[in-house]
C-alpha atoms as a PDB file:
ATOM      1  CA  UNK A   1     -15.539 -24.175  16.708  1.00  0.00           C
ATOM      2  CA  UNK A   2     -11.965 -23.714  17.939  1.00  0.00           C
ATOM      3  CA  UNK A   3     -11.090 -20.166  18.983  1.00  0.00           C
ATOM      4  CA  UNK A   4      -7.555 -18.951  19.609  1.00  0.00           C
ATOM      5  CA  UNK A   5      -7.119 -15.969  21.965  1.00  0.00           C
ATOM      6  CA  UNK A   6      -4.288 -13.656  20.999  1.00  0.00           C
ATOM      7  CA  UNK A   7      -3.734 -10.175  22.459  1.00  0.00           C
ATOM      8  CA  UNK A   8      -7.434  -9.677  23.371  1.00  0.00           C
ATOM      9  CA  UNK A   9      -8.585 -10.984  19.952  1.00  0.00           C
ATOM     10  CA  UNK A  10     -10.405 -14.280  19.383  1.00  0.00           C
ATOM     11  CA  UNK A  11      -9.451 -15.939  16.107  1.00  0.00           C
ATOM     12  CA  UNK A  12     -10.522 -19.029  14.242  1.00  0.00           C
ATOM     13  CA  UNK A  13      -7.828 -21.071  12.501  1.00  0.00           C
ATOM     14  CA  UNK A  14      -8.648 -19.508   9.118  1.00  0.00           C
ATOM     15  CA  UNK A  15      -8.246 -16.042  10.630  1.00  0.00           C
ATOM     16  CA  UNK A  16      -4.707 -16.909  11.747  1.00  0.00           C
ATOM     17  CA  UNK A  17      -3.913 -18.217   8.276  1.00  0.00           C
ATOM     18  CA  UNK A  18      -5.273 -15.010   6.708  1.00  0.00           C
ATOM     19  CA  UNK A  19      -3.100 -12.924   9.055  1.00  0.00           C
ATOM     20  CA  UNK A  20      -0.004 -14.870   8.033  1.00  0.00           C
ATOM     21  CA  UNK A  21      -0.957 -14.570   4.360  1.00  0.00           C
ATOM     22  CA  UNK A  22      -1.338 -10.808   4.812  1.00  0.00           C
ATOM     23  CA  UNK A  23       2.162 -10.694   6.332  1.00  0.00           C
ATOM     24  CA  UNK A  24       3.524 -12.711   3.400  1.00  0.00           C
ATOM     25  CA  UNK A  25       1.839 -10.459   0.813  1.00  0.00           C
ATOM     26  CA  UNK A  26       2.997  -7.319   2.640  1.00  0.00           C
ATOM     27  CA  UNK A  27       6.601  -8.509   2.548  1.00  0.00           C
ATOM     28  CA  UNK A  28       6.316  -9.285  -1.160  1.00  0.00           C
ATOM     29  CA  UNK A  29       4.806  -5.863  -1.863  1.00  0.00           C
ATOM     30  CA  UNK A  30       7.692  -3.998  -0.250  1.00  0.00           C
ATOM     31  CA  UNK A  31      10.306  -5.765  -2.351  1.00  0.00           C
ATOM     32  CA  UNK A  32       8.646  -5.096  -5.685  1.00  0.00           C
ATOM     33  CA  UNK A  33       5.416  -7.123  -5.981  1.00  0.00           C
ATOM     34  CA  UNK A  34       3.317  -4.043  -5.250  1.00  0.00           C
ATOM     35  CA  UNK A  35      -0.109  -5.372  -6.163  1.00  0.00           C
ATOM     36  CA  UNK A  36       0.248  -7.947  -3.396  1.00  0.00           C
ATOM     37  CA  UNK A  37      -0.463  -5.382  -0.675  1.00  0.00           C
ATOM     38  CA  UNK A  38      -3.745  -4.439  -2.354  1.00  0.00           C
ATOM     39  CA  UNK A  39      -4.817  -8.064  -2.109  1.00  0.00           C
ATOM     40  CA  UNK A  40      -4.017  -8.096   1.612  1.00  0.00           C
ATOM     41  CA  UNK A  41      -6.282  -5.120   2.439  1.00  0.00           C
ATOM     42  CA  UNK A  42      -9.614  -6.811   1.623  1.00  0.00           C
ATOM     43  CA  UNK A  43      -8.363 -10.050   3.200  1.00  0.00           C
ATOM     44  CA  UNK A  44      -7.729  -8.307   6.509  1.00  0.00           C
ATOM     45  CA  UNK A  45     -11.082  -6.527   6.277  1.00  0.00           C
ATOM     46  CA  UNK A  46     -12.771  -9.950   6.335  1.00  0.00           C
ATOM     47  CA  UNK A  47     -11.564 -10.345   9.934  1.00  0.00           C
ATOM     48  CA  UNK A  48     -11.630  -6.832  11.386  1.00  0.00           C
ATOM     49  CA  UNK A  49     -13.899  -4.758   9.112  1.00  0.00           C
ATOM     50  CA  UNK A  50     -12.898  -1.734   7.055  1.00  0.00           C
ATOM     51  CA  UNK A  51     -11.486   1.019   9.278  1.00  0.00           C
ATOM     52  CA  UNK A  52     -10.344  -1.279  12.089  1.00  0.00           C
ATOM     53  CA  UNK A  53      -8.402  -3.437   9.636  1.00  0.00           C
ATOM     54  CA  UNK A  54      -6.385  -0.391   8.543  1.00  0.00           C
ATOM     55  CA  UNK A  55      -5.126  -0.031  12.107  1.00  0.00           C
ATOM     56  CA  UNK A  56      -4.043  -3.671  12.204  1.00  0.00           C
ATOM     57  CA  UNK A  57      -2.513  -3.419   8.747  1.00  0.00           C
ATOM     58  CA  UNK A  58      -0.366  -0.364   9.397  1.00  0.00           C
ATOM     59  CA  UNK A  59       2.025  -1.934  11.958  1.00  0.00           C
ATOM     60  CA  UNK A  60       2.465  -4.931   9.626  1.00  0.00           C
ATOM     61  CA  UNK A  61       3.322  -2.537   6.791  1.00  0.00           C
ATOM     62  CA  UNK A  62       5.835  -0.671   8.960  1.00  0.00           C
ATOM     63  CA  UNK A  63       7.730  -3.911   9.536  1.00  0.00           C
ATOM     64  CA  UNK A  64       7.634  -4.618   5.782  1.00  0.00           C
ATOM     65  CA  UNK A  65       8.648  -1.016   4.966  1.00  0.00           C
ATOM     66  CA  UNK A  66      11.781  -1.366   7.078  1.00  0.00           C
ATOM     67  CA  UNK A  67      12.812  -4.469   5.126  1.00  0.00           C
ATOM     68  CA  UNK A  68      12.123  -2.810   1.756  1.00  0.00           C
ATOM     69  CA  UNK A  69      14.139   0.299   2.639  1.00  0.00           C
ATOM     70  CA  UNK A  70      16.992  -1.789   4.032  1.00  0.00           C
ATOM     71  CA  UNK A  71      17.299  -3.727   0.766  1.00  0.00           C
ATOM     72  CA  UNK A  72      16.581  -0.972  -1.795  1.00  0.00           C
ATOM     73  CA  UNK A  73      17.692   2.194   0.058  1.00  0.00           C
ATOM     74  CA  UNK A  74      20.449   3.032  -2.459  1.00  0.00           C
ATOM     75  CA  UNK A  75      18.040   3.119  -5.411  1.00  0.00           C
ATOM     76  CA  UNK A  76      15.546   5.805  -4.353  1.00  0.00           C
ATOM     77  CA  UNK A  77      14.881   8.958  -6.397  1.00  0.00           C
ATOM     78  CA  UNK A  78      15.199  11.816  -3.878  1.00  0.00           C
ATOM     79  CA  UNK A  79      13.870  14.235  -6.500  1.00  0.00           C
ATOM     80  CA  UNK A  80      10.527  12.470  -6.737  1.00  0.00           C
ATOM     81  CA  UNK A  81      10.286  11.937  -2.980  1.00  0.00           C
ATOM     82  CA  UNK A  82      10.650  15.707  -2.450  1.00  0.00           C
ATOM     83  CA  UNK A  83       7.806  16.282  -4.897  1.00  0.00           C
ATOM     84  CA  UNK A  84       5.410  13.659  -3.519  1.00  0.00           C
ATOM     85  CA  UNK A  85       5.839  13.587   0.272  1.00  0.00           C
ATOM     86  CA  UNK A  86       4.606  17.128   1.176  1.00  0.00           C
ATOM     87  CA  UNK A  87       1.442  16.653  -0.891  1.00  0.00           C
ATOM     88  CA  UNK A  88       0.951  13.183   0.580  1.00  0.00           C
ATOM     89  CA  UNK A  89       1.012  14.656   4.105  1.00  0.00           C
ATOM     90  CA  UNK A  90      -1.894  16.920   3.105  1.00  0.00           C
ATOM     91  CA  UNK A  91      -3.701  13.847   1.811  1.00  0.00           C
ATOM     92  CA  UNK A  92      -3.158  12.085   5.149  1.00  0.00           C
ATOM     93  CA  UNK A  93      -4.711  15.036   7.006  1.00  0.00           C
ATOM     94  CA  UNK A  94      -7.730  14.984   4.672  1.00  0.00           C
ATOM     95  CA  UNK A  95      -8.032  11.214   5.032  1.00  0.00           C
ATOM     96  CA  UNK A  96      -7.936  11.461   8.822  1.00  0.00           C
ATOM     97  CA  UNK A  97     -10.902  13.851   8.852  1.00  0.00           C
ATOM     98  CA  UNK A  98     -12.996  12.187   6.139  1.00  0.00           C
ATOM     99  CA  UNK A  99     -12.213   8.654   7.293  1.00  0.00           C
ATOM    100  CA  UNK A 100     -13.966   9.263  10.615  1.00  0.00           C
ATOM    101  CA  UNK A 101     -17.182  10.198   8.782  1.00  0.00           C
ATOM    102  CA  UNK A 102     -17.606   7.172   6.494  1.00  0.00           C
ATOM    103  CA  UNK A 103     -18.909   3.659   7.206  1.00  0.00           C
ATOM    104  CA  UNK A 104     -17.374   0.380   6.004  1.00  0.00           C
ATOM    105  CA  UNK A 105     -19.593   0.181   2.907  1.00  0.00           C
ATOM    106  CA  UNK A 106     -18.550   3.664   1.774  1.00  0.00           C
ATOM    107  CA  UNK A 107     -14.954   2.811   2.649  1.00  0.00           C
ATOM    108  CA  UNK A 108     -14.959  -0.219   0.314  1.00  0.00           C
ATOM    109  CA  UNK A 109     -16.624   1.794  -2.451  1.00  0.00           C
ATOM    110  CA  UNK A 110     -14.006   4.568  -2.252  1.00  0.00           C
ATOM    111  CA  UNK A 111     -11.189   2.035  -2.375  1.00  0.00           C
ATOM    112  CA  UNK A 112     -12.660   0.171  -5.351  1.00  0.00           C
ATOM    113  CA  UNK A 113     -13.229   3.415  -7.287  1.00  0.00           C
ATOM    114  CA  UNK A 114      -9.683   4.573  -6.502  1.00  0.00           C
ATOM    115  CA  UNK A 115      -8.052   1.387  -7.743  1.00  0.00           C
ATOM    116  CA  UNK A 116     -10.204   1.182 -10.886  1.00  0.00           C
ATOM    117  CA  UNK A 117      -9.616   4.881 -11.586  1.00  0.00           C
ATOM    118  CA  UNK A 118      -5.875   4.349 -11.215  1.00  0.00           C
ATOM    119  CA  UNK A 119      -5.992   1.547 -13.761  1.00  0.00           C
ATOM    120  CA  UNK A 120      -7.827   3.817 -16.204  1.00  0.00           C
ATOM    121  CA  UNK A 121      -5.220   6.552 -15.782  1.00  0.00           C
ATOM    122  CA  UNK A 122      -2.428   4.003 -16.323  1.00  0.00           C
ATOM    123  CA  UNK A 123      -3.802   3.012 -19.710  1.00  0.00           C
ATOM    124  CA  UNK A 124      -4.608   6.643 -20.616  1.00  0.00           C
ATOM    125  CA  UNK A 125      -1.003   7.627 -19.944  1.00  0.00           C
ATOM    126  CA  UNK A 126       0.246   4.883 -22.252  1.00  0.00           C
ATOM    127  CA  UNK A 127      -1.038   6.887 -25.244  1.00  0.00           C
ATOM    128  CA  UNK A 128       1.764   8.627 -27.137  1.00  0.00           C
ATOM    129  CA  UNK A 129       0.258  12.095 -26.785  1.00  0.00           C
ATOM    130  CA  UNK A 130       0.268  11.841 -22.976  1.00  0.00           C
ATOM    131  CA  UNK A 131       3.555  10.028 -22.341  1.00  0.00           C
ATOM    132  CA  UNK A 132       5.841  13.052 -22.261  1.00  0.00           C
ATOM    133  CA  UNK A 133       3.798  16.034 -21.086  1.00  0.00           C
ATOM    134  CA  UNK A 134       1.430  14.822 -18.333  1.00  0.00           C
ATOM    135  CA  UNK A 135       3.840  12.850 -16.075  1.00  0.00           C
ATOM    136  CA  UNK A 136       6.044  15.911 -15.525  1.00  0.00           C
ATOM    137  CA  UNK A 137       3.189  18.341 -14.930  1.00  0.00           C
ATOM    138  CA  UNK A 138       3.316  19.827 -11.402  1.00  0.00           C
ATOM    139  CA  UNK A 139      -0.466  19.629 -11.001  1.00  0.00           C
ATOM    140  CA  UNK A 140      -0.383  15.920 -11.900  1.00  0.00           C
ATOM    141  CA  UNK A 141       2.344  15.275  -9.318  1.00  0.00           C
ATOM    142  CA  UNK A 142       0.481  17.249  -6.629  1.00  0.00           C
ATOM    143  CA  UNK A 143      -2.806  15.450  -7.284  1.00  0.00           C
ATOM    144  CA  UNK A 144      -1.091  12.045  -7.186  1.00  0.00           C
ATOM    145  CA  UNK A 145       0.652  12.968  -3.928  1.00  0.00           C
ATOM    146  CA  UNK A 146      -2.570  14.115  -2.234  1.00  0.00           C
ATOM    147  CA  UNK A 147      -4.527  11.116  -3.510  1.00  0.00           C
ATOM    148  CA  UNK A 148      -1.708   8.813  -2.417  1.00  0.00           C
ATOM    149  CA  UNK A 149      -1.740  10.199   1.119  1.00  0.00           C
ATOM    150  CA  UNK A 150      -5.542  10.106   1.291  1.00  0.00           C
ATOM    151  CA  UNK A 151      -5.931   6.531   0.041  1.00  0.00           C
ATOM    152  CA  UNK A 152      -3.068   5.393   2.229  1.00  0.00           C
ATOM    153  CA  UNK A 153      -4.750   6.888   5.287  1.00  0.00           C
ATOM    154  CA  UNK A 154      -8.268   5.581   4.706  1.00  0.00           C
ATOM    155  CA  UNK A 155      -7.326   2.145   3.411  1.00  0.00           C
ATOM    156  CA  UNK A 156      -3.570   1.509   3.045  1.00  0.00           C
ATOM    157  CA  UNK A 157      -4.197   1.396  -0.708  1.00  0.00           C
ATOM    158  CA  UNK A 158      -1.892   4.052  -2.103  1.00  0.00           C
ATOM    159  CA  UNK A 159       0.059   1.430  -4.056  1.00  0.00           C
ATOM    160  CA  UNK A 160      -2.123   1.835  -7.137  1.00  0.00           C
ATOM    161  CA  UNK A 161      -1.843   5.636  -7.033  1.00  0.00           C
ATOM    162  CA  UNK A 162       1.935   5.532  -6.701  1.00  0.00           C
ATOM    163  CA  UNK A 163       2.095   2.989  -9.507  1.00  0.00           C
ATOM    164  CA  UNK A 164       0.290   5.481 -11.751  1.00  0.00           C
ATOM    165  CA  UNK A 165       2.739   8.286 -11.006  1.00  0.00           C
ATOM    166  CA  UNK A 166       6.026   6.369 -10.879  1.00  0.00           C
ATOM    167  CA  UNK A 167       5.254   4.306 -13.962  1.00  0.00           C
ATOM    168  CA  UNK A 168       4.254   7.518 -15.762  1.00  0.00           C
ATOM    169  CA  UNK A 169       7.624   9.144 -15.066  1.00  0.00           C
ATOM    170  CA  UNK A 170       9.213   5.894 -16.277  1.00  0.00           C
ATOM    171  CA  UNK A 171      11.559   5.157 -13.399  1.00  0.00           C
ATOM    172  CA  UNK A 172      13.757   2.073 -13.899  1.00  0.00           C
ATOM    173  CA  UNK A 173      12.719  -1.019 -11.945  1.00  0.00           C
ATOM    174  CA  UNK A 174      15.080  -0.733  -8.952  1.00  0.00           C
ATOM    175  CA  UNK A 175      14.631   3.060  -8.696  1.00  0.00           C
ATOM    176  CA  UNK A 176      10.851   2.549  -8.767  1.00  0.00           C
ATOM    177  CA  UNK A 177      11.005   0.006  -5.924  1.00  0.00           C
ATOM    178  CA  UNK A 178      13.476   2.036  -3.851  1.00  0.00           C
ATOM    179  CA  UNK A 179      11.433   5.234  -4.231  1.00  0.00           C
ATOM    180  CA  UNK A 180       8.191   3.534  -3.219  1.00  0.00           C
ATOM    181  CA  UNK A 181       9.943   1.879  -0.270  1.00  0.00           C
ATOM    182  CA  UNK A 182      11.109   5.229   1.125  1.00  0.00           C
ATOM    183  CA  UNK A 183       7.819   6.960   0.261  1.00  0.00           C
ATOM    184  CA  UNK A 184       5.708   4.450   2.166  1.00  0.00           C
ATOM    185  CA  UNK A 185       8.093   4.279   5.119  1.00  0.00           C
ATOM    186  CA  UNK A 186       7.774   8.054   5.526  1.00  0.00           C
ATOM    187  CA  UNK A 187       4.018   8.384   5.071  1.00  0.00           C
ATOM    188  CA  UNK A 188       3.157   5.243   7.032  1.00  0.00           C
ATOM    189  CA  UNK A 189       4.990   6.635  10.064  1.00  0.00           C
ATOM    190  CA  UNK A 190       3.223   9.966   9.442  1.00  0.00           C
ATOM    191  CA  UNK A 191      -0.120   8.131   9.711  1.00  0.00           C
ATOM    192  CA  UNK A 192       0.598   6.599  13.129  1.00  0.00           C
ATOM    193  CA  UNK A 193      -0.507   9.631  15.237  1.00  0.00           C
ATOM    194  CA  UNK A 194      -3.859   9.744  13.410  1.00  0.00           C
ATOM    195  CA  UNK A 195      -4.479   6.052  14.024  1.00  0.00           C
ATOM    196  CA  UNK A 196      -3.476   6.294  17.683  1.00  0.00           C
ATOM    197  CA  UNK A 197      -5.024   9.588  18.766  1.00  0.00           C
ATOM    198  CA  UNK A 198      -7.842  10.265  16.281  1.00  0.00           C
ATOM    199  CA  UNK A 199      -9.142   6.919  15.029  1.00  0.00           C
ATOM    200  CA  UNK A 200      -7.975   4.855  18.047  1.00  0.00           C
ATOM    201  CA  UNK A 201      -7.295   1.898  15.731  1.00  0.00           C
ATOM    202  CA  UNK A 202      -3.701   1.255  16.856  1.00  0.00           C
ATOM    203  CA  UNK A 203      -2.891   0.145  20.383  1.00  0.00           C
ATOM    204  CA  UNK A 204      -0.466  -2.198  22.105  1.00  0.00           C
ATOM    205  CA  UNK A 205      -2.487  -5.249  21.045  1.00  0.00           C
ATOM    206  CA  UNK A 206      -2.450  -4.358  17.340  1.00  0.00           C
ATOM    207  CA  UNK A 207       1.311  -3.726  17.493  1.00  0.00           C
ATOM    208  CA  UNK A 208       1.992  -7.068  19.196  1.00  0.00           C
ATOM    209  CA  UNK A 209      -0.281  -8.818  16.704  1.00  0.00           C
ATOM    210  CA  UNK A 210       1.638  -7.249  13.812  1.00  0.00           C
ATOM    211  CA  UNK A 211       4.975  -8.350  15.280  1.00  0.00           C
ATOM    212  CA  UNK A 212       3.704 -11.947  15.319  1.00  0.00           C
ATOM    213  CA  UNK A 213       3.478 -11.818  11.512  1.00  0.00           C
ATOM    214  CA  UNK A 214       7.147 -10.785  11.135  1.00  0.00           C
ATOM    215  CA  UNK A 215       8.405 -14.250  10.025  1.00  0.00           C
ATOM    216  CA  UNK A 216       5.760 -14.277   7.262  1.00  0.00           C
ATOM    217  CA  UNK A 217       6.727 -10.702   6.270  1.00  0.00           C
ATOM    218  CA  UNK A 218      10.411 -11.666   6.008  1.00  0.00           C
ATOM    219  CA  UNK A 219       9.559 -14.765   3.951  1.00  0.00           C
ATOM    220  CA  UNK A 220       7.384 -12.640   1.638  1.00  0.00           C
ATOM    221  CA  UNK A 221      10.200 -10.114   1.208  1.00  0.00           C
ATOM    222  CA  UNK A 222      12.630 -12.878   0.187  1.00  0.00           C
ATOM    223  CA  UNK A 223      10.100 -14.274  -2.306  1.00  0.00           C
ATOM    224  CA  UNK A 224       9.493 -10.792  -3.719  1.00  0.00           C
ATOM    225  CA  UNK A 225      13.219 -10.152  -4.224  1.00  0.00           C
ATOM    226  CA  UNK A 226      13.646 -13.395  -6.169  1.00  0.00           C
ATOM    227  CA  UNK A 227      10.579 -12.695  -8.338  1.00  0.00           C
ATOM    228  CA  UNK A 228      11.673  -9.148  -9.231  1.00  0.00           C
ATOM    229  CA  UNK A 229      15.240 -10.208 -10.085  1.00  0.00           C
ATOM    230  CA  UNK A 230      13.870 -12.323 -12.931  1.00  0.00           C
ATOM    231  CA  UNK A 231      11.732  -9.549 -14.488  1.00  0.00           C
ATOM    232  CA  UNK A 232      13.016  -6.972 -16.998  1.00  0.00           C
ATOM    233  CA  UNK A 233      12.074  -3.285 -16.726  1.00  0.00           C
ATOM    234  CA  UNK A 234       9.419  -3.498 -19.453  1.00  0.00           C
ATOM    235  CA  UNK A 235       7.926  -6.709 -18.106  1.00  0.00           C
ATOM    236  CA  UNK A 236       7.974  -5.128 -14.636  1.00  0.00           C
ATOM    237  CA  UNK A 237       5.689  -2.327 -15.860  1.00  0.00           C
ATOM    238  CA  UNK A 238       3.231  -4.847 -17.292  1.00  0.00           C
ATOM    239  CA  UNK A 239       3.505  -6.920 -14.108  1.00  0.00           C
ATOM    240  CA  UNK A 240       2.585  -3.942 -11.887  1.00  0.00           C
ATOM    241  CA  UNK A 241      -0.403  -3.060 -14.086  1.00  0.00           C
ATOM    242  CA  UNK A 242      -1.587  -6.684 -14.084  1.00  0.00           C
ATOM    243  CA  UNK A 243      -1.312  -6.970 -10.297  1.00  0.00           C
ATOM    244  CA  UNK A 244      -3.253  -3.720  -9.872  1.00  0.00           C
ATOM    245  CA  UNK A 245      -6.048  -5.006 -12.114  1.00  0.00           C
ATOM    246  CA  UNK A 246      -6.164  -8.302 -10.186  1.00  0.00           C
ATOM    247  CA  UNK A 247      -6.317  -6.479  -6.859  1.00  0.00           C
ATOM    248  CA  UNK A 248      -9.207  -4.255  -8.029  1.00  0.00           C
ATOM    249  CA  UNK A 249     -11.231  -7.250  -9.195  1.00  0.00           C
ATOM    250  CA  UNK A 250     -10.600  -9.023  -5.882  1.00  0.00           C
ATOM    251  CA  UNK A 251     -11.698  -5.947  -3.961  1.00  0.00           C
ATOM    252  CA  UNK A 252     -14.956  -5.553  -5.900  1.00  0.00           C
ATOM    253  CA  UNK A 253     -16.066  -9.138  -5.346  1.00  0.00           C
END
């Protein structure tokens, strides 16, 4: 069995390929193909395990976030960022504390329940009686912000939660992508101190490893941009829901 040593890690060839695939999917997710990042989380967990994989994933996401913000920065909704970010910070704090107390099995269960629950809420909000009132309720926004921060901290899986909220408020396609790009850039940087000083899952080796995936991240971002350009606003909503469903099924099995 051929092992490749890279920044104190020993990888098999398939592990390297998975890392590059994760970089590709992360780049795609930050330029509009948001379900792609949920596929990358369980893939990375195959190599590093649950909590440790989140520390490897975060630096990769930060590279992808920078690309997403650079391309879509003019399209963000500042109004919705002001609503979500403070609550998300509270969720990050809660995730930091709770995440230290759970094992990998519980971690995977929480993530699967979160994604499946998000899908259920998506379809519930499509009913006419919920379309107008619920999305603009302050309690709904606060709960989505906290849950987004929490799931982002414990598993880098806030994409499904943000999809629920931003699809519910019916943001146009480019505004949706720009808002999520800024949201995740902010909260992902907010998570770094917890990973470094509390969980000890980010160090120089994980950062260098993430930087090695940069070409794959850039390629994924370019692919994502071309895919999203060809999708209308209504088809984009259905596309995001479909990708979220696919990611949840992949995570369960």
